[in-house]
Amino acid sequence: MGTLNFQAAKSLIDTLQLGNITADEFISEFLDDNTTSLVALKSALLAFHADENAYEVNTVELMPNVEYNRATHTGKVTFKYTVNFHFGCADIDRNELARETAAFAIDPENRILTIHIHDKIQRDTVDEF
């Protein structure tokens, strides 16, 4: 399992805790296009898959219906992303779509959003031939 930690704005966490925005809106705001958080998420996902010869994560799409429990500050988010791999023996590149449901937790005091990535994309040497 990979764990990603991001700083979150206090105002954004407070707005979520007060119920003024939904969890979908929170995650969308936090990981909106071209934000430093989205760039960091792509980099962390790339590092998470680097041992499998991944060289790029080029798209991340957040799926609707994010779950969030205000009392425990925990939830689940589903997103899909494309990982580009290079198969060295065959000298080919391939893109694979991953769909992950990840648990997350918010630490309101320290303003940290932690996302837990559960499953890696599984490959086999046979895929190279």
N, C-alpha and C. Protein backbone atom coordinates (compact mmCIF):
# COMPACT_ATOMS: atom_id res chain seq x y z
N MET A 1 0.84 -1.17 0.00
CA MET A 1 0.00 0.00 0.00
C MET A 1 0.88 1.23 0.00
N GLY A 2 0.54 2.21 -0.82
CA GLY A 2 1.23 3.48 -0.84
C GLY A 2 0.45 4.52 -0.06
N THR A 3 1.14 5.38 0.64
CA THR A 3 0.48 6.43 1.41
C THR A 3 0.96 7.77 0.91
N LEU A 4 0.02 8.64 0.59
CA LEU A 4 0.32 9.98 0.09
C LEU A 4 -0.19 10.99 1.10
N ASN A 5 0.66 11.94 1.47
CA ASN A 5 0.27 13.00 2.40
C ASN A 5 0.35 14.34 1.72
N PHE A 6 -0.71 15.14 1.88
CA PHE A 6 -0.76 16.48 1.28
C PHE A 6 -1.22 17.49 2.31
N GLN A 7 -0.64 18.68 2.24
CA GLN A 7 -1.12 19.79 3.06
C GLN A 7 -2.43 20.28 2.45
N ALA A 8 -3.39 20.56 3.30
CA ALA A 8 -4.69 21.06 2.86
C ALA A 8 -4.96 22.40 3.54
N ALA A 9 -5.62 23.28 2.83
CA ALA A 9 -5.94 24.59 3.39
C ALA A 9 -6.96 24.44 4.53
N LYS A 10 -6.72 25.14 5.63
CA LYS A 10 -7.63 25.08 6.77
C LYS A 10 -9.04 25.50 6.37
N SER A 11 -9.15 26.52 5.54
CA SER A 11 -10.47 27.00 5.13
C SER A 11 -11.24 25.94 4.35
N LEU A 12 -10.53 25.17 3.55
CA LEU A 12 -11.17 24.11 2.77
C LEU A 12 -11.66 22.98 3.69
N ILE A 13 -10.83 22.60 4.66
CA ILE A 13 -11.23 21.57 5.63
C ILE A 13 -12.41 22.05 6.46
N ASP A 14 -12.37 23.30 6.93
CA ASP A 14 -13.46 23.85 7.73
C ASP A 14 -14.77 23.86 6.94
N THR A 15 -14.69 24.22 5.67
CA THR A 15 -15.89 24.26 4.83
C THR A 15 -16.49 22.87 4.69
N LEU A 16 -15.65 21.85 4.55
CA LEU A 16 -16.11 20.47 4.48
C LEU A 16 -16.74 20.04 5.81
N GLN A 17 -16.06 20.35 6.91
CA GLN A 17 -16.55 19.94 8.23
C GLN A 17 -17.89 20.59 8.57
N LEU A 18 -18.10 21.80 8.10
CA LEU A 18 -19.37 22.50 8.37
C LEU A 18 -20.49 22.04 7.45
N GLY A 19 -20.16 21.23 6.45
CA GLY A 19 -21.17 20.73 5.53
C GLY A 19 -21.52 21.71 4.43
N ASN A 20 -20.71 22.74 4.25
CA ASN A 20 -20.98 23.73 3.21
C ASN A 20 -20.57 23.26 1.82
N ILE A 21 -19.73 22.23 1.76
CA ILE A 21 -19.40 21.58 0.49
C ILE A 21 -19.47 20.07 0.71
N THR A 22 -19.67 19.33 -0.36
CA THR A 22 -19.68 17.88 -0.28
C THR A 22 -18.26 17.35 -0.35
N ALA A 23 -18.11 16.08 -0.04
CA ALA A 23 -16.79 15.45 -0.15
C ALA A 23 -16.31 15.45 -1.59
N ASP A 24 -17.24 15.29 -2.55
CA ASP A 24 -16.88 15.37 -3.97
C ASP A 24 -16.27 16.74 -4.29
N GLU A 25 -16.92 17.79 -3.78
CA GLU A 25 -16.42 19.15 -4.04
C GLU A 25 -15.06 19.37 -3.36
N PHE A 26 -14.91 18.82 -2.15
CA PHE A 26 -13.63 18.95 -1.44
C PHE A 26 -12.50 18.34 -2.25
N ILE A 27 -12.68 17.09 -2.67
CA ILE A 27 -11.63 16.41 -3.41
C ILE A 27 -11.40 17.11 -4.75
N SER A 28 -12.48 17.53 -5.40
CA SER A 28 -12.34 18.24 -6.69
C SER A 28 -11.57 19.54 -6.52
N GLU A 29 -11.88 20.28 -5.46
CA GLU A 29 -11.15 21.54 -5.19
C GLU A 29 -9.70 21.26 -4.89
N PHE A 30 -9.48 20.23 -4.08
CA PHE A 30 -8.14 19.95 -3.60
C PHE A 30 -7.24 19.41 -4.71
N LEU A 31 -7.80 18.58 -5.59
CA LEU A 31 -7.01 17.98 -6.66
C LEU A 31 -7.46 18.47 -8.03
N ASP A 32 -7.82 19.73 -8.11
CA ASP A 32 -8.26 20.32 -9.37
C ASP A 32 -7.11 20.35 -10.37
N ASP A 33 -7.44 20.47 -11.65
CA ASP A 33 -6.44 20.48 -12.71
C ASP A 33 -5.31 21.47 -12.43
N ASN A 34 -4.10 21.00 -12.66
CA ASN A 34 -2.88 21.80 -12.58
C ASN A 34 -2.56 22.37 -11.21
N THR A 35 -3.16 21.85 -10.16
CA THR A 35 -2.77 22.29 -8.83
C THR A 35 -1.51 21.56 -8.42
N THR A 36 -0.81 22.12 -7.47
CA THR A 36 0.40 21.46 -6.99
C THR A 36 0.06 20.11 -6.35
N SER A 37 -1.13 20.01 -5.77
CA SER A 37 -1.55 18.73 -5.17
C SER A 37 -1.73 17.66 -6.23
N LEU A 38 -2.32 18.00 -7.37
CA LEU A 38 -2.49 17.02 -8.45
C LEU A 38 -1.15 16.61 -9.02
N VAL A 39 -0.26 17.56 -9.20
CA VAL A 39 1.09 17.25 -9.69
C VAL A 39 1.79 16.33 -8.69
N ALA A 40 1.64 16.61 -7.40
CA ALA A 40 2.25 15.76 -6.38
C ALA A 40 1.64 14.36 -6.38
N LEU A 41 0.30 14.27 -6.59
CA LEU A 41 -0.35 12.97 -6.65
C LEU A 41 0.17 12.15 -7.82
N LYS A 42 0.30 12.79 -8.99
CA LYS A 42 0.85 12.08 -10.15
C LYS A 42 2.27 11.61 -9.89
N SER A 43 3.08 12.45 -9.27
CA SER A 43 4.46 12.06 -8.94
C SER A 43 4.50 10.91 -7.95
N ALA A 44 3.61 10.96 -6.95
CA ALA A 44 3.58 9.88 -5.96
C ALA A 44 3.10 8.57 -6.59
N LEU A 45 2.11 8.65 -7.47
CA LEU A 45 1.65 7.45 -8.16
C LEU A 45 2.74 6.88 -9.06
N LEU A 46 3.48 7.77 -9.71
CA LEU A 46 4.58 7.31 -10.55
C LEU A 46 5.64 6.61 -9.69
N ALA A 47 5.99 7.20 -8.56
CA ALA A 47 6.97 6.57 -7.67
C ALA A 47 6.45 5.23 -7.15
N PHE A 48 5.15 5.15 -6.89
CA PHE A 48 4.53 3.93 -6.40
C PHE A 48 4.65 2.79 -7.42
N HIS A 49 4.60 3.13 -8.71
CA HIS A 49 4.68 2.12 -9.78
C HIS A 49 6.06 2.05 -10.43
N ALA A 50 7.03 2.78 -9.92
CA ALA A 50 8.36 2.84 -10.55
C ALA A 50 9.06 1.49 -10.58
N ASP A 51 8.83 0.65 -9.58
CA ASP A 51 9.47 -0.67 -9.56
C ASP A 51 8.94 -1.59 -10.66
N GLU A 52 7.90 -1.14 -11.35
CA GLU A 52 7.32 -1.91 -12.46
C GLU A 52 7.68 -1.28 -13.81
N ASN A 53 8.69 -0.42 -13.81
CA ASN A 53 9.15 0.29 -15.01
C ASN A 53 8.14 1.30 -15.54
N ALA A 54 7.35 1.85 -14.66
CA ALA A 54 6.46 2.94 -15.06
C ALA A 54 7.30 4.19 -15.26
N TYR A 55 6.97 4.96 -16.30
CA TYR A 55 7.74 6.18 -16.52
C TYR A 55 6.87 7.43 -16.57
N GLU A 56 5.54 7.27 -16.53
CA GLU A 56 4.68 8.45 -16.56
C GLU A 56 3.28 8.11 -16.09
N VAL A 57 2.70 9.01 -15.31
CA VAL A 57 1.27 9.01 -15.02
C VAL A 57 0.75 10.29 -15.65
N ASN A 58 -0.05 10.14 -16.71
CA ASN A 58 -0.41 11.36 -17.45
C ASN A 58 -1.84 11.82 -17.27
N THR A 59 -2.72 11.01 -16.72
CA THR A 59 -4.08 11.47 -16.45
C THR A 59 -4.55 10.91 -15.12
N VAL A 60 -5.29 11.72 -14.39
CA VAL A 60 -5.95 11.29 -13.17
C VAL A 60 -7.36 11.86 -13.21
N GLU A 61 -8.36 10.97 -13.11
CA GLU A 61 -9.75 11.41 -13.13
C GLU A 61 -10.42 10.99 -11.83
N LEU A 62 -10.99 11.95 -11.12
CA LEU A 62 -11.71 11.66 -9.89
C LEU A 62 -13.11 11.21 -10.24
N MET A 63 -13.55 10.12 -9.65
CA MET A 63 -14.87 9.60 -9.89
C MET A 63 -15.85 10.19 -8.87
N PRO A 64 -17.12 10.34 -9.23
CA PRO A 64 -18.10 10.93 -8.31
C PRO A 64 -18.43 10.02 -7.12
N ASN A 65 -19.19 10.56 -6.19
CA ASN A 65 -19.67 9.86 -5.00
C ASN A 65 -18.58 9.54 -3.99
N VAL A 66 -17.79 10.55 -3.67
CA VAL A 66 -16.78 10.42 -2.63
C VAL A 66 -17.50 10.25 -1.29
N GLU A 67 -17.08 9.28 -0.51
CA GLU A 67 -17.67 9.04 0.81
C GLU A 67 -16.83 9.77 1.86
N TYR A 68 -17.50 10.36 2.86
CA TYR A 68 -16.77 11.04 3.93
C TYR A 68 -17.59 11.00 5.22
N ASN A 69 -16.94 10.67 6.33
CA ASN A 69 -17.55 10.66 7.65
C ASN A 69 -16.97 11.82 8.44
N ARG A 70 -17.77 12.84 8.70
CA ARG A 70 -17.30 14.03 9.40
C ARG A 70 -16.84 13.74 10.83
N ALA A 71 -17.45 12.75 11.46
CA ALA A 71 -17.10 12.43 12.85
C ALA A 71 -15.71 11.80 12.96
N THR A 72 -15.37 10.92 12.01
CA THR A 72 -14.07 10.23 12.07
C THR A 72 -13.02 10.86 11.16
N HIS A 73 -13.45 11.80 10.33
CA HIS A 73 -12.55 12.47 9.36
C HIS A 73 -11.95 11.48 8.36
N THR A 74 -12.70 10.45 8.00
CA THR A 74 -12.21 9.44 7.07
C THR A 74 -13.21 9.26 5.92
N GLY A 75 -12.72 8.71 4.83
CA GLY A 75 -13.60 8.48 3.70
C GLY A 75 -12.96 7.62 2.64
N LYS A 76 -13.64 7.54 1.50
CA LYS A 76 -13.13 6.78 0.36
C LYS A 76 -13.36 7.59 -0.90
N VAL A 77 -12.38 7.53 -1.77
CA VAL A 77 -12.46 8.21 -3.06
C VAL A 77 -12.03 7.23 -4.14
N THR A 78 -12.74 7.25 -5.26
CA THR A 78 -12.37 6.40 -6.38
C THR A 78 -11.86 7.29 -7.50
N PHE A 79 -10.74 6.93 -8.04
CA PHE A 79 -10.21 7.66 -9.17
C PHE A 79 -9.56 6.67 -10.13
N LYS A 80 -9.44 7.11 -11.36
CA LYS A 80 -8.73 6.28 -12.33
C LYS A 80 -7.63 7.11 -12.94
N TYR A 81 -6.57 6.41 -13.31
CA TYR A 81 -5.41 7.10 -13.87
C TYR A 81 -4.73 6.19 -14.87
N THR A 82 -3.98 6.81 -15.77
CA THR A 82 -3.26 6.07 -16.78
C THR A 82 -1.78 6.03 -16.41
N VAL A 83 -1.23 4.81 -16.40
CA VAL A 83 0.19 4.62 -16.12
C VAL A 83 0.85 4.14 -17.40
N ASN A 84 1.94 4.79 -17.78
CA ASN A 84 2.70 4.37 -18.97
C ASN A 84 3.88 3.53 -18.51
N PHE A 85 4.02 2.34 -19.11
CA PHE A 85 5.09 1.41 -18.79
C PHE A 85 6.00 1.25 -19.99
N HIS A 86 7.27 0.93 -19.71
CA HIS A 86 8.20 0.54 -20.76
C HIS A 86 8.64 -0.89 -20.49
N PHE A 87 8.38 -1.78 -21.45
CA PHE A 87 8.79 -3.18 -21.34
C PHE A 87 10.15 -3.30 -22.01
N GLY A 88 11.19 -3.38 -21.20
CA GLY A 88 12.56 -3.33 -21.70
C GLY A 88 12.95 -4.43 -22.65
N CYS A 89 12.63 -5.66 -22.34
CA CYS A 89 13.04 -6.80 -23.18
C CYS A 89 12.45 -6.71 -24.58
N ALA A 90 11.22 -6.26 -24.66
CA ALA A 90 10.55 -6.19 -25.96
C ALA A 90 10.66 -4.80 -26.58
N ASP A 91 11.20 -3.83 -25.83
CA ASP A 91 11.33 -2.45 -26.27
C ASP A 91 9.99 -1.88 -26.75
N ILE A 92 8.95 -2.06 -25.93
CA ILE A 92 7.64 -1.50 -26.24
C ILE A 92 7.13 -0.70 -25.05
N ASP A 93 6.29 0.27 -25.36
CA ASP A 93 5.62 1.07 -24.34
C ASP A 93 4.15 0.70 -24.35
N ARG A 94 3.53 0.73 -23.15
CA ARG A 94 2.11 0.44 -23.07
C ARG A 94 1.48 1.27 -21.97
N ASN A 95 0.25 1.72 -22.21
CA ASN A 95 -0.51 2.45 -21.22
C ASN A 95 -1.50 1.51 -20.57
N GLU A 96 -1.65 1.60 -19.26
CA GLU A 96 -2.63 0.80 -18.55
C GLU A 96 -3.48 1.71 -17.69
N LEU A 97 -4.78 1.47 -17.70
CA LEU A 97 -5.71 2.25 -16.90
C LEU A 97 -5.90 1.56 -15.56
N ALA A 98 -5.71 2.31 -14.50
CA ALA A 98 -5.92 1.78 -13.14
C ALA A 98 -7.12 2.49 -12.55
N ARG A 99 -7.96 1.75 -11.89
CA ARG A 99 -9.12 2.31 -11.18
C ARG A 99 -8.97 1.91 -9.73
N GLU A 100 -8.80 2.89 -8.88
CA GLU A 100 -8.52 2.64 -7.47
C GLU A 100 -9.61 3.26 -6.60
N THR A 101 -10.02 2.52 -5.58
CA THR A 101 -10.82 3.10 -4.50
C THR A 101 -9.87 3.21 -3.32
N ALA A 102 -9.60 4.42 -2.95
CA ALA A 102 -8.59 4.67 -1.92
C ALA A 102 -9.24 5.24 -0.67
N ALA A 103 -8.80 4.75 0.47
CA ALA A 103 -9.23 5.33 1.73
C ALA A 103 -8.45 6.62 1.96
N PHE A 104 -9.09 7.57 2.61
CA PHE A 104 -8.36 8.79 2.97
C PHE A 104 -8.76 9.23 4.37
N ALA A 105 -7.90 10.02 4.96
CA ALA A 105 -8.16 10.58 6.28
C ALA A 105 -7.70 12.03 6.28
N ILE A 106 -8.41 12.83 7.04
CA ILE A 106 -8.06 14.24 7.17
C ILE A 106 -7.69 14.50 8.62
N ASP A 107 -6.54 15.10 8.83
CA ASP A 107 -6.11 15.53 10.15
C ASP A 107 -6.37 17.04 10.20
N PRO A 108 -7.52 17.45 10.76
CA PRO A 108 -7.87 18.88 10.74
C PRO A 108 -6.89 19.77 11.50
N GLU A 109 -6.33 19.26 12.58
CA GLU A 109 -5.41 20.08 13.39
C GLU A 109 -4.12 20.37 12.64
N ASN A 110 -3.56 19.35 11.96
CA ASN A 110 -2.31 19.52 11.24
C ASN A 110 -2.51 19.82 9.75
N ARG A 111 -3.79 19.86 9.32
CA ARG A 111 -4.17 20.17 7.94
C ARG A 111 -3.50 19.22 6.94
N ILE A 112 -3.61 17.94 7.22
CA ILE A 112 -3.01 16.94 6.33
C ILE A 112 -4.09 16.02 5.79
N LEU A 113 -4.09 15.84 4.49
CA LEU A 113 -4.93 14.87 3.81
C LEU A 113 -4.04 13.68 3.48
N THR A 114 -4.41 12.50 3.96
CA THR A 114 -3.66 11.28 3.70
C THR A 114 -4.51 10.36 2.84
N ILE A 115 -3.97 9.95 1.70
CA ILE A 115 -4.65 9.03 0.80
C ILE A 115 -3.87 7.73 0.78
N HIS A 116 -4.58 6.62 0.96
CA HIS A 116 -3.96 5.29 0.97
C HIS A 116 -4.30 4.58 -0.34
N ILE A 117 -3.30 4.30 -1.15
CA ILE A 117 -3.47 3.57 -2.40
C ILE A 117 -3.31 2.09 -2.08
N HIS A 118 -4.34 1.28 -2.35
CA HIS A 118 -4.34 -0.11 -1.91
C HIS A 118 -3.69 -1.11 -2.86
N ASP A 119 -3.97 -1.03 -4.12
CA ASP A 119 -3.52 -2.07 -5.05
C ASP A 119 -2.62 -1.51 -6.13
N LYS A 120 -1.57 -2.25 -6.44
CA LYS A 120 -0.72 -1.91 -7.57
C LYS A 120 -1.22 -2.62 -8.80
N ILE A 121 -0.89 -2.10 -9.96
CA ILE A 121 -1.17 -2.79 -11.21
C ILE A 121 -0.26 -4.01 -11.26
N GLN A 122 -0.83 -5.16 -11.50
CA GLN A 122 -0.03 -6.39 -11.56
C GLN A 122 0.36 -6.68 -13.00
N ARG A 123 1.63 -6.94 -13.21
CA ARG A 123 2.14 -7.30 -14.55
C ARG A 123 2.87 -8.62 -14.44
N ASP A 124 3.06 -9.23 -15.57
CA ASP A 124 3.80 -10.48 -15.64
C ASP A 124 4.81 -10.36 -16.76
N THR A 125 5.94 -11.03 -16.63
CA THR A 125 6.97 -11.02 -17.67
C THR A 125 6.38 -11.44 -19.00
N VAL A 126 5.38 -12.29 -18.98
CA VAL A 126 4.73 -12.76 -20.21
C VAL A 126 4.14 -11.59 -21.00
N ASP A 127 3.78 -10.48 -20.30
CA ASP A 127 3.23 -9.31 -20.98
C ASP A 127 4.23 -8.68 -21.95
N GLU A 128 5.51 -8.95 -21.74
CA GLU A 128 6.53 -8.34 -22.59
C GLU A 128 6.70 -9.05 -23.92
N PHE A 129 6.14 -10.24 -24.07
CA PHE A 129 6.37 -11.01 -25.30
C PHE A 129 5.09 -11.27 -26.05
